[in-house]
């Protein structure tokens, strides 16, 4: 449970397992929780002055990579609404943080 430990990239494995096991509701909730965590991180990073952003470059890349993988998984497991939500966040932060 997310109350017991911080969700990180390792949760991608469990989300995949949930989808493969047919536990779609649980997978979707975990996707939402993980996406929320990384969206909050990106909101923090984007609030920083540009001169500090370089210190968090690896964290920003991790956040974007996780969101991208969540987007792919939700498409693969036919969750179009959830995928669209994550895709919007992903591209919004690509633009906000001027990532290429």
Protein backbone atom coordinates (compact mmCIF):
# COMPACT_ATOMS: atom_id res chain seq x y z
CA UNK A 1 0.00 0.00 0.00
CA UNK A 2 1.16 3.50 -0.83
CA UNK A 3 0.73 4.55 2.80
CA UNK A 4 3.54 2.17 3.79
CA UNK A 5 6.17 3.11 1.20
CA UNK A 6 6.85 5.61 -1.54
CA UNK A 7 5.86 4.58 -5.03
CA UNK A 8 8.74 4.67 -7.47
CA UNK A 9 9.69 3.27 -10.87
CA UNK A 10 9.68 -0.26 -9.44
CA UNK A 11 5.88 -0.03 -9.33
CA UNK A 12 5.81 -0.27 -13.13
CA UNK A 13 6.50 -3.99 -12.79
CA UNK A 14 3.55 -4.45 -10.43
CA UNK A 15 1.21 -2.46 -12.62
CA UNK A 16 2.10 -4.72 -15.53
CA UNK A 17 1.44 -7.76 -13.32
CA UNK A 18 -1.96 -6.39 -12.28
CA UNK A 19 -2.98 -5.84 -15.90
CA UNK A 20 -1.77 -9.29 -16.93
CA UNK A 21 -3.66 -10.87 -14.03
CA UNK A 22 -6.86 -9.11 -15.07
CA UNK A 23 -6.87 -6.84 -11.99
CA UNK A 24 -7.59 -3.80 -14.15
CA UNK A 25 -9.13 -1.68 -11.39
CA UNK A 26 -6.15 -2.19 -9.14
CA UNK A 27 -3.75 -1.54 -12.02
CA UNK A 28 -5.57 1.66 -12.95
CA UNK A 29 -5.58 2.92 -9.37
CA UNK A 30 -1.87 2.22 -9.05
CA UNK A 31 -1.27 4.01 -12.36
CA UNK A 32 -3.17 7.04 -11.04
CA UNK A 33 -1.25 7.00 -7.76
CA UNK A 34 2.11 6.72 -9.50
CA UNK A 35 1.21 9.38 -12.06
CA UNK A 36 0.08 11.70 -9.25
CA UNK A 37 3.35 11.22 -7.40
CA UNK A 38 5.45 12.08 -10.45
CA UNK A 39 3.14 14.92 -11.48
CA UNK A 40 3.65 16.47 -8.04
CA UNK A 41 7.40 16.08 -8.45
CA UNK A 42 7.30 17.76 -11.86
CA UNK A 43 5.16 20.57 -10.48
CA UNK A 44 7.83 21.19 -7.87
CA UNK A 45 10.69 21.09 -10.38
CA UNK A 46 8.88 23.44 -12.74
CA UNK A 47 8.35 25.93 -9.91
CA UNK A 48 12.10 26.30 -9.42
CA UNK A 49 14.17 29.01 -11.05
CA UNK A 50 15.91 27.66 -14.17
CA UNK A 51 19.33 27.89 -12.54
CA UNK A 52 18.30 25.20 -10.03
CA UNK A 53 16.65 22.90 -12.54
CA UNK A 54 19.98 21.44 -13.62
CA UNK A 55 20.42 19.98 -10.13
CA UNK A 56 17.23 17.97 -10.63
CA UNK A 57 17.84 16.88 -14.21
CA UNK A 58 18.02 13.16 -13.35
CA UNK A 59 14.83 13.41 -11.28
CA UNK A 60 13.01 15.20 -14.09
CA UNK A 61 14.13 12.53 -16.55
CA UNK A 62 12.96 9.76 -14.22
CA UNK A 63 9.58 11.43 -13.77
CA UNK A 64 9.11 11.86 -17.50
CA UNK A 65 10.25 8.30 -18.23
CA UNK A 66 7.77 6.87 -15.72
CA UNK A 67 4.91 8.95 -17.14
CA UNK A 68 5.86 7.86 -20.65
CA UNK A 69 5.86 4.20 -19.62
CA UNK A 70 2.49 4.62 -17.88
CA UNK A 71 1.15 6.16 -21.07
CA UNK A 72 2.39 3.17 -23.08
CA UNK A 73 1.02 0.61 -20.65
CA UNK A 74 -2.41 2.17 -20.43
CA UNK A 75 -2.60 2.21 -24.22
CA UNK A 76 -1.41 -1.39 -24.42
CA UNK A 77 -4.03 -2.54 -21.91
CA UNK A 78 -6.79 -0.53 -23.57
CA UNK A 79 -7.35 2.19 -21.00
CA UNK A 80 -7.75 5.14 -23.40
CA UNK A 81 -9.16 7.70 -20.95
CA UNK A 82 -6.39 7.09 -18.43
CA UNK A 83 -3.79 7.11 -21.17
CA UNK A 84 -5.10 10.44 -22.48
CA UNK A 85 -4.90 11.99 -18.99
CA UNK A 86 -1.29 10.91 -18.58
CA UNK A 87 -0.42 11.97 -22.12
CA UNK A 88 -1.73 15.48 -21.46
CA UNK A 89 0.35 15.79 -18.29
CA UNK A 90 3.40 14.39 -20.06
CA UNK A 91 3.24 16.85 -22.96
CA UNK A 92 2.32 19.77 -20.71
CA UNK A 93 5.50 19.22 -18.71
CA UNK A 94 7.53 18.62 -21.86
CA UNK A 95 6.51 22.11 -22.87
CA UNK A 96 6.74 23.70 -19.43
CA UNK A 97 10.20 22.33 -18.75
CA UNK A 98 11.23 22.84 -22.39
CA UNK A 99 12.34 19.24 -22.81
CA UNK A 100 13.13 17.72 -26.18
